[in-house]
Amino acid sequence: MPVFLNPANAETWVLAGLLIFLGIVIFVAKAPKAVNAALDATTAKIQADLDEAARIREEAQRLLAQLKAERVEAEAQAKDMLAAAQEEARRYEIEAKAKLEESLARRQQLAERKIANAEAQAAAEVKAAAADMAAAAAEVVLTKRLAGAKTDPLIDNAISQLSSKLQ
């Protein structure tokens, strides 16, 4: 066995203990730093994720508020459009009623004119028929008078008055 492994030699064991102690000190000194570094990196990552989540949440809340405002505005516009459409429908209804009444009045006037024209035409036809009948009756009467008498007293009377009226 080598001399430095001899259990009776105390310097060997002191050296071994010193090396073990230095190994532990080095390990202990570096291990917490590594653990701290890993924990710090994890903490930084978690903090970055929390900051990103907070930023996203704020943006989502801002967008939600904007969408709510747009919805309120759209509802107000829809109400205004509905009111305007109803008002326009009422106006069209009034215009249609006025045009219908005007059309009915024109048709009534046209019918009254046609009736008046038909009455005037019927009256003219009746007058013409009456005149034709009177002429025919006069012709019959005159032909009967002339057939019975050689001269007509009315014609003779008219001829005698003619000379006085011509002067």
N, C-alpha and C. Protein backbone atom coordinates (compact mmCIF):
# COMPACT_ATOMS: atom_id res chain seq x y z
N MET A 1 0.81 -1.15 0.00
CA MET A 1 0.00 0.00 0.00
C MET A 1 0.89 1.25 0.00
N PRO A 2 0.43 2.26 -0.69
CA PRO A 2 1.29 3.43 -0.76
C PRO A 2 1.33 4.16 0.59
N VAL A 3 2.26 4.92 0.74
CA VAL A 3 2.55 5.58 2.01
C VAL A 3 1.47 6.64 2.30
N PHE A 4 1.01 7.29 1.32
CA PHE A 4 0.06 8.38 1.59
C PHE A 4 -1.31 7.84 1.97
N LEU A 5 -1.58 6.53 1.71
CA LEU A 5 -2.84 5.94 2.13
C LEU A 5 -2.74 5.27 3.48
N ASN A 6 -1.67 5.35 4.11
CA ASN A 6 -1.47 4.73 5.41
C ASN A 6 -2.32 5.47 6.43
N PRO A 7 -3.16 4.68 7.21
CA PRO A 7 -4.03 5.33 8.18
C PRO A 7 -3.25 5.94 9.33
N ALA A 8 -2.07 5.57 9.54
CA ALA A 8 -1.30 6.11 10.64
C ALA A 8 -0.76 7.48 10.29
N ASN A 9 -0.73 7.80 9.04
CA ASN A 9 -0.18 9.07 8.61
C ASN A 9 -1.30 10.11 8.70
N ALA A 10 -1.27 11.07 9.61
CA ALA A 10 -2.31 12.04 9.88
C ALA A 10 -2.33 13.13 8.83
N GLU A 11 -1.22 13.45 8.24
CA GLU A 11 -1.20 14.51 7.25
C GLU A 11 -2.04 14.14 6.04
N THR A 12 -2.07 12.86 5.73
CA THR A 12 -2.85 12.41 4.60
C THR A 12 -4.33 12.66 4.87
N TRP A 13 -4.70 12.34 6.05
CA TRP A 13 -6.12 12.51 6.37
C TRP A 13 -6.49 13.99 6.50
N VAL A 14 -5.62 14.78 6.93
CA VAL A 14 -5.89 16.22 7.00
C VAL A 14 -6.02 16.76 5.58
N LEU A 15 -5.14 16.29 4.70
CA LEU A 15 -5.20 16.71 3.32
C LEU A 15 -6.53 16.27 2.70
N ALA A 16 -6.93 15.05 2.96
CA ALA A 16 -8.19 14.55 2.40
C ALA A 16 -9.37 15.36 2.94
N GLY A 17 -9.37 15.66 4.23
CA GLY A 17 -10.44 16.46 4.83
C GLY A 17 -10.46 17.86 4.27
N LEU A 18 -9.27 18.43 4.06
CA LEU A 18 -9.19 19.76 3.50
C LEU A 18 -9.75 19.79 2.07
N LEU A 19 -9.40 18.78 1.31
CA LEU A 19 -9.90 18.72 -0.07
C LEU A 19 -11.44 18.57 -0.09
N ILE A 20 -11.93 17.72 0.81
CA ILE A 20 -13.38 17.54 0.89
C ILE A 20 -14.04 18.85 1.31
N PHE A 21 -13.44 19.53 2.30
CA PHE A 21 -13.99 20.80 2.78
C PHE A 21 -14.00 21.84 1.66
N LEU A 22 -12.89 21.91 0.93
CA LEU A 22 -12.83 22.88 -0.16
C LEU A 22 -13.84 22.51 -1.26
N GLY A 23 -14.02 21.23 -1.52
CA GLY A 23 -15.01 20.81 -2.51
C GLY A 23 -16.41 21.20 -2.08
N ILE A 24 -16.71 21.01 -0.79
CA ILE A 24 -18.03 21.39 -0.28
C ILE A 24 -18.21 22.90 -0.35
N VAL A 25 -17.20 23.66 0.02
CA VAL A 25 -17.29 25.12 0.00
C VAL A 25 -17.52 25.59 -1.44
N ILE A 26 -16.77 25.03 -2.35
CA ILE A 26 -16.91 25.44 -3.74
C ILE A 26 -18.30 25.04 -4.25
N PHE A 27 -18.70 23.80 -3.92
CA PHE A 27 -20.01 23.34 -4.37
C PHE A 27 -21.13 24.17 -3.76
N VAL A 28 -21.02 24.42 -2.45
CA VAL A 28 -22.05 25.17 -1.75
C VAL A 28 -22.07 26.62 -2.25
N ALA A 29 -20.94 27.16 -2.51
CA ALA A 29 -20.90 28.55 -2.96
C ALA A 29 -21.47 28.68 -4.37
N LYS A 30 -21.23 27.72 -5.24
CA LYS A 30 -21.72 27.82 -6.61
C LYS A 30 -23.16 27.33 -6.72
N ALA A 31 -23.54 26.37 -5.94
CA ALA A 31 -24.89 25.82 -6.05
C ALA A 31 -25.96 26.85 -5.73
N PRO A 32 -25.87 27.61 -4.64
CA PRO A 32 -26.90 28.61 -4.39
C PRO A 32 -26.95 29.69 -5.47
N LYS A 33 -25.77 30.03 -6.01
CA LYS A 33 -25.76 31.03 -7.07
C LYS A 33 -26.51 30.48 -8.30
N ALA A 34 -26.25 29.21 -8.60
CA ALA A 34 -26.92 28.61 -9.75
C ALA A 34 -28.42 28.50 -9.50
N VAL A 35 -28.78 28.09 -8.27
CA VAL A 35 -30.19 27.99 -7.91
C VAL A 35 -30.82 29.38 -7.95
N ASN A 36 -30.13 30.37 -7.39
CA ASN A 36 -30.63 31.74 -7.42
C ASN A 36 -30.76 32.25 -8.85
N ALA A 37 -29.78 31.94 -9.67
CA ALA A 37 -29.83 32.38 -11.07
C ALA A 37 -31.03 31.74 -11.77
N ALA A 38 -31.24 30.44 -11.52
CA ALA A 38 -32.37 29.76 -12.14
C ALA A 38 -33.69 30.32 -11.62
N LEU A 39 -33.76 30.56 -10.32
CA LEU A 39 -34.98 31.15 -9.75
C LEU A 39 -35.19 32.57 -10.26
N ASP A 40 -34.12 33.34 -10.38
CA ASP A 40 -34.24 34.69 -10.91
C ASP A 40 -34.73 34.67 -12.36
N ALA A 41 -34.21 33.75 -13.15
CA ALA A 41 -34.64 33.64 -14.55
C ALA A 41 -36.12 33.24 -14.61
N THR A 42 -36.52 32.29 -13.76
CA THR A 42 -37.92 31.88 -13.73
C THR A 42 -38.81 33.03 -13.26
N THR A 43 -38.34 33.75 -12.24
CA THR A 43 -39.10 34.90 -11.74
C THR A 43 -39.23 35.97 -12.82
N ALA A 44 -38.16 36.23 -13.52
CA ALA A 44 -38.19 37.23 -14.60
C ALA A 44 -39.17 36.80 -15.69
N LYS A 45 -39.13 35.51 -16.04
CA LYS A 45 -40.05 35.01 -17.07
C LYS A 45 -41.49 35.12 -16.60
N ILE A 46 -41.74 34.76 -15.35
CA ILE A 46 -43.10 34.85 -14.81
C ILE A 46 -43.55 36.30 -14.75
N GLN A 47 -42.65 37.20 -14.33
CA GLN A 47 -42.97 38.62 -14.28
C GLN A 47 -43.26 39.17 -15.68
N ALA A 48 -42.48 38.74 -16.66
CA ALA A 48 -42.72 39.17 -18.05
C ALA A 48 -44.08 38.65 -18.53
N ASP A 49 -44.39 37.40 -18.19
CA ASP A 49 -45.70 36.85 -18.57
C ASP A 49 -46.83 37.61 -17.88
N LEU A 50 -46.65 37.95 -16.59
CA LEU A 50 -47.67 38.72 -15.87
C LEU A 50 -47.84 40.11 -16.48
N ASP A 51 -46.72 40.74 -16.83
CA ASP A 51 -46.79 42.06 -17.45
C ASP A 51 -47.49 41.99 -18.81
N GLU A 52 -47.17 40.95 -19.58
CA GLU A 52 -47.83 40.77 -20.88
C GLU A 52 -49.32 40.50 -20.69
N ALA A 53 -49.67 39.68 -19.69
CA ALA A 53 -51.08 39.39 -19.42
C ALA A 53 -51.81 40.67 -18.98
N ALA A 54 -51.16 41.49 -18.15
CA ALA A 54 -51.78 42.75 -17.72
C ALA A 54 -51.98 43.68 -18.91
N ARG A 55 -50.98 43.74 -19.79
CA ARG A 55 -51.09 44.59 -20.98
C ARG A 55 -52.22 44.09 -21.89
N ILE A 56 -52.29 42.79 -22.07
CA ILE A 56 -53.35 42.21 -22.91
C ILE A 56 -54.71 42.45 -22.27
N ARG A 57 -54.77 42.32 -20.95
CA ARG A 57 -56.05 42.55 -20.26
C ARG A 57 -56.50 44.01 -20.43
N GLU A 58 -55.57 44.95 -20.25
CA GLU A 58 -55.90 46.36 -20.42
C GLU A 58 -56.38 46.64 -21.85
N GLU A 59 -55.70 46.05 -22.82
CA GLU A 59 -56.09 46.23 -24.22
C GLU A 59 -57.48 45.63 -24.47
N ALA A 60 -57.72 44.45 -23.87
CA ALA A 60 -59.03 43.81 -24.03
C ALA A 60 -60.13 44.66 -23.38
N GLN A 61 -59.85 45.23 -22.23
CA GLN A 61 -60.84 46.09 -21.56
C GLN A 61 -61.09 47.35 -22.38
N ARG A 62 -60.01 47.89 -22.95
CA ARG A 62 -60.17 49.08 -23.79
C ARG A 62 -61.02 48.74 -25.03
N LEU A 63 -60.73 47.61 -25.65
CA LEU A 63 -61.52 47.19 -26.81
C LEU A 63 -62.96 46.90 -26.43
N LEU A 64 -63.16 46.29 -25.25
CA LEU A 64 -64.53 46.02 -24.79
C LEU A 64 -65.29 47.32 -24.58
N ALA A 65 -64.64 48.30 -23.96
CA ALA A 65 -65.29 49.60 -23.75
C ALA A 65 -65.60 50.26 -25.10
N GLN A 66 -64.66 50.16 -26.04
CA GLN A 66 -64.87 50.74 -27.37
C GLN A 66 -66.03 50.05 -28.07
N LEU A 67 -66.09 48.72 -27.99
CA LEU A 67 -67.18 47.98 -28.62
C LEU A 67 -68.53 48.30 -27.97
N LYS A 68 -68.53 48.46 -26.64
CA LYS A 68 -69.78 48.84 -25.97
C LYS A 68 -70.23 50.22 -26.44
N ALA A 69 -69.29 51.14 -26.56
CA ALA A 69 -69.64 52.49 -27.03
C ALA A 69 -70.16 52.42 -28.47
N GLU A 70 -69.50 51.62 -29.31
CA GLU A 70 -69.96 51.48 -30.69
C GLU A 70 -71.34 50.84 -30.74
N ARG A 71 -71.60 49.87 -29.87
CA ARG A 71 -72.90 49.23 -29.84
C ARG A 71 -73.98 50.23 -29.44
N VAL A 72 -73.68 51.05 -28.42
CA VAL A 72 -74.64 52.06 -27.99
C VAL A 72 -74.90 53.05 -29.14
N GLU A 73 -73.83 53.44 -29.81
CA GLU A 73 -73.97 54.36 -30.94
C GLU A 73 -74.77 53.72 -32.08
N ALA A 74 -74.49 52.44 -32.35
CA ALA A 74 -75.22 51.74 -33.41
C ALA A 74 -76.70 51.60 -33.05
N GLU A 75 -76.99 51.32 -31.79
CA GLU A 75 -78.39 51.22 -31.36
C GLU A 75 -79.08 52.57 -31.51
N ALA A 76 -78.38 53.64 -31.15
CA ALA A 76 -78.97 54.98 -31.30
C ALA A 76 -79.22 55.29 -32.78
N GLN A 77 -78.25 54.94 -33.63
CA GLN A 77 -78.43 55.16 -35.07
C GLN A 77 -79.60 54.33 -35.59
N ALA A 78 -79.72 53.09 -35.11
CA ALA A 78 -80.83 52.23 -35.56
C ALA A 78 -82.16 52.83 -35.13
N LYS A 79 -82.22 53.35 -33.91
CA LYS A 79 -83.46 53.98 -33.44
C LYS A 79 -83.78 55.20 -34.30
N ASP A 80 -82.75 56.01 -34.59
CA ASP A 80 -82.96 57.19 -35.43
C ASP A 80 -83.43 56.80 -36.83
N MET A 81 -82.78 55.77 -37.38
CA MET A 81 -83.17 55.31 -38.72
C MET A 81 -84.60 54.78 -38.71
N LEU A 82 -84.96 54.05 -37.66
CA LEU A 82 -86.32 53.52 -37.56
C LEU A 82 -87.33 54.66 -37.46
N ALA A 83 -87.02 55.66 -36.63
CA ALA A 83 -87.92 56.80 -36.49
C ALA A 83 -88.04 57.54 -37.83
N ALA A 84 -86.93 57.72 -38.52
CA ALA A 84 -86.95 58.40 -39.81
C ALA A 84 -87.76 57.59 -40.83
N ALA A 85 -87.59 56.28 -40.81
CA ALA A 85 -88.34 55.43 -41.74
C ALA A 85 -89.83 55.48 -41.44
N GLN A 86 -90.18 55.48 -40.16
CA GLN A 86 -91.60 55.58 -39.80
C GLN A 86 -92.17 56.93 -40.22
N GLU A 87 -91.41 57.99 -40.02
CA GLU A 87 -91.87 59.32 -40.42
C GLU A 87 -92.04 59.39 -41.94
N GLU A 88 -91.08 58.81 -42.67
CA GLU A 88 -91.16 58.80 -44.12
C GLU A 88 -92.36 57.97 -44.58
N ALA A 89 -92.61 56.86 -43.89
CA ALA A 89 -93.77 56.03 -44.25
C ALA A 89 -95.07 56.81 -44.01
N ARG A 90 -95.13 57.55 -42.89
CA ARG A 90 -96.32 58.38 -42.64
C ARG A 90 -96.47 59.45 -43.72
N ARG A 91 -95.36 60.06 -44.11
CA ARG A 91 -95.40 61.09 -45.15
C ARG A 91 -95.86 60.49 -46.48
N TYR A 92 -95.33 59.31 -46.83
CA TYR A 92 -95.76 58.64 -48.06
C TYR A 92 -97.24 58.29 -47.99
N GLU A 93 -97.70 57.88 -46.82
CA GLU A 93 -99.11 57.53 -46.66
C GLU A 93 -99.99 58.76 -46.88
N ILE A 94 -99.57 59.89 -46.30
CA ILE A 94 -100.33 61.14 -46.47
C ILE A 94 -100.33 61.56 -47.94
N GLU A 95 -99.15 61.46 -48.59
CA GLU A 95 -99.07 61.82 -50.00
C GLU A 95 -99.94 60.90 -50.85
N ALA A 96 -99.91 59.61 -50.53
CA ALA A 96 -100.72 58.65 -51.30
C ALA A 96 -102.20 58.94 -51.13
N LYS A 97 -102.60 59.26 -49.89
CA LYS A 97 -104.02 59.59 -49.66
C LYS A 97 -104.41 60.84 -50.44
N ALA A 98 -103.52 61.85 -50.42
CA ALA A 98 -103.82 63.09 -51.15
C ALA A 98 -103.91 62.81 -52.65
N LYS A 99 -102.98 62.02 -53.18
CA LYS A 99 -103.02 61.71 -54.61
C LYS A 99 -104.26 60.89 -54.94
N LEU A 100 -104.64 59.96 -54.06
CA LEU A 100 -105.84 59.17 -54.29
C LEU A 100 -107.08 60.05 -54.30
N GLU A 101 -107.17 60.96 -53.32
CA GLU A 101 -108.31 61.86 -53.27
C GLU A 101 -108.35 62.76 -54.50
N GLU A 102 -107.18 63.24 -54.92
CA GLU A 102 -107.10 64.09 -56.11
C GLU A 102 -107.52 63.29 -57.34
N SER A 103 -107.05 62.06 -57.44
CA SER A 103 -107.41 61.21 -58.58
C SER A 103 -108.91 60.93 -58.58
N LEU A 104 -109.45 60.63 -57.40
CA LEU A 104 -110.89 60.39 -57.31
C LEU A 104 -111.69 61.64 -57.69
N ALA A 105 -111.21 62.80 -57.25
CA ALA A 105 -111.90 64.05 -57.59
C ALA A 105 -111.84 64.28 -59.10
N ARG A 106 -110.67 64.03 -59.72
CA ARG A 106 -110.56 64.21 -61.16
C ARG A 106 -111.47 63.23 -61.90
N ARG A 107 -111.51 62.00 -61.43
CA ARG A 107 -112.38 61.01 -62.08
C ARG A 107 -113.85 61.39 -61.92
N GLN A 108 -114.19 61.91 -60.74
CA GLN A 108 -115.57 62.33 -60.52
C GLN A 108 -115.92 63.49 -61.44
N GLN A 109 -115.02 64.46 -61.56
CA GLN A 109 -115.26 65.59 -62.46
C GLN A 109 -115.37 65.11 -63.90
N LEU A 110 -114.49 64.17 -64.29
CA LEU A 110 -114.54 63.63 -65.64
C LEU A 110 -115.87 62.91 -65.88
N ALA A 111 -116.30 62.12 -64.88
CA ALA A 111 -117.60 61.43 -65.02
C ALA A 111 -118.73 62.44 -65.10
N GLU A 112 -118.67 63.50 -64.27
CA GLU A 112 -119.72 64.52 -64.32
C GLU A 112 -119.73 65.22 -65.68
N ARG A 113 -118.54 65.50 -66.23
CA ARG A 113 -118.47 66.13 -67.55
C ARG A 113 -119.06 65.21 -68.62
N LYS A 114 -118.70 63.90 -68.51
CA LYS A 114 -119.23 62.95 -69.49
C LYS A 114 -120.76 62.87 -69.38
N ILE A 115 -121.25 62.89 -68.14
CA ILE A 115 -122.71 62.87 -67.94
C ILE A 115 -123.33 64.13 -68.51
N ALA A 116 -122.71 65.30 -68.23
CA ALA A 116 -123.25 66.56 -68.75
C ALA A 116 -123.21 66.56 -70.28
N ASN A 117 -122.11 66.05 -70.86
CA ASN A 117 -122.01 65.98 -72.33
C ASN A 117 -123.08 65.03 -72.88
N ALA A 118 -123.25 63.91 -72.19
CA ALA A 118 -124.26 62.95 -72.64
C ALA A 118 -125.65 63.57 -72.53
N GLU A 119 -125.92 64.31 -71.45
CA GLU A 119 -127.21 64.98 -71.29
C GLU A 119 -127.41 66.02 -72.39
N ALA A 120 -126.34 66.82 -72.64
CA ALA A 120 -126.44 67.85 -73.68
C ALA A 120 -126.66 67.21 -75.05
N GLN A 121 -125.90 66.11 -75.29
CA GLN A 121 -126.06 65.42 -76.56
C GLN A 121 -127.46 64.82 -76.68
N ALA A 122 -127.96 64.24 -75.59
CA ALA A 122 -129.32 63.68 -75.61
C ALA A 122 -130.35 64.79 -75.84
N ALA A 123 -130.15 65.94 -75.16
CA ALA A 123 -131.07 67.06 -75.33
C ALA A 123 -131.02 67.55 -76.77
N ALA A 124 -129.81 67.64 -77.34
CA ALA A 124 -129.68 68.08 -78.73
C ALA A 124 -130.34 67.08 -79.67
N GLU A 125 -130.14 65.78 -79.36
CA GLU A 125 -130.78 64.77 -80.20
C GLU A 125 -132.30 64.83 -80.10
N VAL A 126 -132.77 65.07 -78.84
CA VAL A 126 -134.23 65.20 -78.65
C VAL A 126 -134.73 66.43 -79.40
N LYS A 127 -134.01 67.56 -79.32
CA LYS A 127 -134.41 68.77 -80.03
C LYS A 127 -134.41 68.54 -81.53
N ALA A 128 -133.32 67.85 -82.00
CA ALA A 128 -133.24 67.58 -83.44
C ALA A 128 -134.38 66.67 -83.87
N ALA A 129 -134.65 65.65 -83.02
CA ALA A 129 -135.76 64.75 -83.36
C ALA A 129 -137.09 65.51 -83.33
N ALA A 130 -137.23 66.40 -82.32
CA ALA A 130 -138.46 67.20 -82.23
C ALA A 130 -138.57 68.13 -83.43
N ALA A 131 -137.44 68.74 -83.83
CA ALA A 131 -137.46 69.63 -84.99
C ALA A 131 -137.80 68.84 -86.25
N ASP A 132 -137.22 67.64 -86.38
CA ASP A 132 -137.51 66.79 -87.54
C ASP A 132 -138.99 66.41 -87.55
N MET A 133 -139.48 66.04 -86.37
CA MET A 133 -140.90 65.67 -86.28
C MET A 133 -141.80 66.88 -86.58
N ALA A 134 -141.39 68.07 -86.07
CA ALA A 134 -142.18 69.28 -86.33
C ALA A 134 -142.16 69.62 -87.82
N ALA A 135 -140.96 69.45 -88.40
CA ALA A 135 -140.86 69.73 -89.84
C ALA A 135 -141.71 68.75 -90.63
N ALA A 136 -141.62 67.48 -90.21
CA ALA A 136 -142.42 66.46 -90.90
C ALA A 136 -143.91 66.74 -90.71
N ALA A 137 -144.30 67.13 -89.48
CA ALA A 137 -145.72 67.44 -89.21
C ALA A 137 -146.14 68.66 -90.00
N ALA A 138 -145.26 69.66 -90.05
CA ALA A 138 -145.58 70.87 -90.81
C ALA A 138 -145.70 70.53 -92.28
N GLU A 139 -144.83 69.66 -92.75
CA GLU A 139 -144.90 69.25 -94.14
C GLU A 139 -146.22 68.54 -94.43
N VAL A 140 -146.58 67.67 -93.49
CA VAL A 140 -147.85 66.94 -93.66
C VAL A 140 -149.01 67.93 -93.66
N VAL A 141 -148.99 68.85 -92.69
CA VAL A 141 -150.08 69.83 -92.59
C VAL A 141 -150.10 70.70 -93.83
N LEU A 142 -148.95 71.16 -94.26
CA LEU A 142 -148.91 72.04 -95.44
C LEU A 142 -149.34 71.30 -96.70
N THR A 143 -148.92 70.06 -96.81
CA THR A 143 -149.32 69.31 -98.00
C THR A 143 -150.81 69.06 -98.01
N LYS A 144 -151.40 68.86 -96.82
CA LYS A 144 -152.86 68.67 -96.74
C LYS A 144 -153.58 69.97 -97.07
N ARG A 145 -153.06 71.09 -96.59
CA ARG A 145 -153.70 72.38 -96.86
C ARG A 145 -153.60 72.71 -98.34
N LEU A 146 -152.41 72.49 -98.88
CA LEU A 146 -152.22 72.85 -100.26
C LEU A 146 -152.98 71.91 -101.19
N ALA A 147 -153.13 70.73 -100.75
CA ALA A 147 -153.88 69.79 -101.58
C ALA A 147 -155.35 70.19 -101.62
N GLY A 148 -155.90 70.74 -100.52
CA GLY A 148 -157.31 71.09 -100.46
C GLY A 148 -157.58 72.45 -101.07
N ALA A 149 -156.67 73.35 -100.96
CA ALA A 149 -156.90 74.69 -101.47
C ALA A 149 -155.83 75.01 -102.49
N LYS A 150 -156.26 75.90 -103.41
CA LYS A 150 -155.34 76.23 -104.46
C LYS A 150 -154.33 77.27 -103.97
N THR A 151 -154.74 78.10 -103.05
CA THR A 151 -153.82 79.08 -102.48
C THR A 151 -153.85 78.96 -100.97
N ASP A 152 -152.79 79.30 -100.42
CA ASP A 152 -152.68 79.23 -98.96
C ASP A 152 -152.86 80.63 -98.42
N PRO A 153 -153.79 80.80 -97.46
CA PRO A 153 -154.01 82.14 -96.94
C PRO A 153 -152.79 82.67 -96.20
N LEU A 154 -152.01 81.84 -95.57
CA LEU A 154 -150.82 82.30 -94.87
C LEU A 154 -149.79 82.82 -95.86
N ILE A 155 -149.65 82.13 -96.96
CA ILE A 155 -148.68 82.54 -97.96
C ILE A 155 -149.15 83.83 -98.61
N ASP A 156 -150.44 83.93 -98.88
CA ASP A 156 -150.96 85.16 -99.48
C ASP A 156 -150.77 86.34 -98.54
N ASN A 157 -151.04 86.13 -97.30
CA ASN A 157 -150.86 87.17 -96.27
C ASN A 157 -149.40 87.57 -96.19
N ALA A 158 -148.47 86.61 -96.23
CA ALA A 158 -147.04 86.89 -96.15
C ALA A 158 -146.59 87.67 -97.37
N ILE A 159 -147.14 87.36 -98.55
CA ILE A 159 -146.75 88.07 -99.76
C ILE A 159 -147.24 89.51 -99.69
N SER A 160 -148.42 89.75 -99.16
CA SER A 160 -148.94 91.11 -99.07
C SER A 160 -148.12 91.93 -98.06
N GLN A 161 -147.65 91.34 -97.04
CA GLN A 161 -146.83 92.06 -96.05
C GLN A 161 -145.43 92.29 -96.57
N LEU A 162 -145.02 91.54 -97.54
CA LEU A 162 -143.69 91.61 -98.06
C LEU A 162 -143.43 92.96 -98.73
N SER A 163 -144.39 93.46 -99.46
CA SER A 163 -144.17 94.70 -100.15
C SER A 163 -144.05 95.87 -99.19
N SER A 164 -144.78 95.81 -98.07
CA SER A 164 -144.67 96.91 -97.12
C SER A 164 -143.35 96.84 -96.30
N LYS A 165 -142.85 95.68 -96.13
CA LYS A 165 -141.62 95.53 -95.34
C LYS A 165 -140.38 95.82 -96.17
N LEU A 166 -140.51 95.74 -97.47
CA LEU A 166 -139.34 95.99 -98.30
C LEU A 166 -139.08 97.49 -98.47
N GLN A 167 -140.04 98.31 -98.21
CA GLN A 167 -139.84 99.75 -98.43
C GLN A 167 -139.17 100.42 -97.33
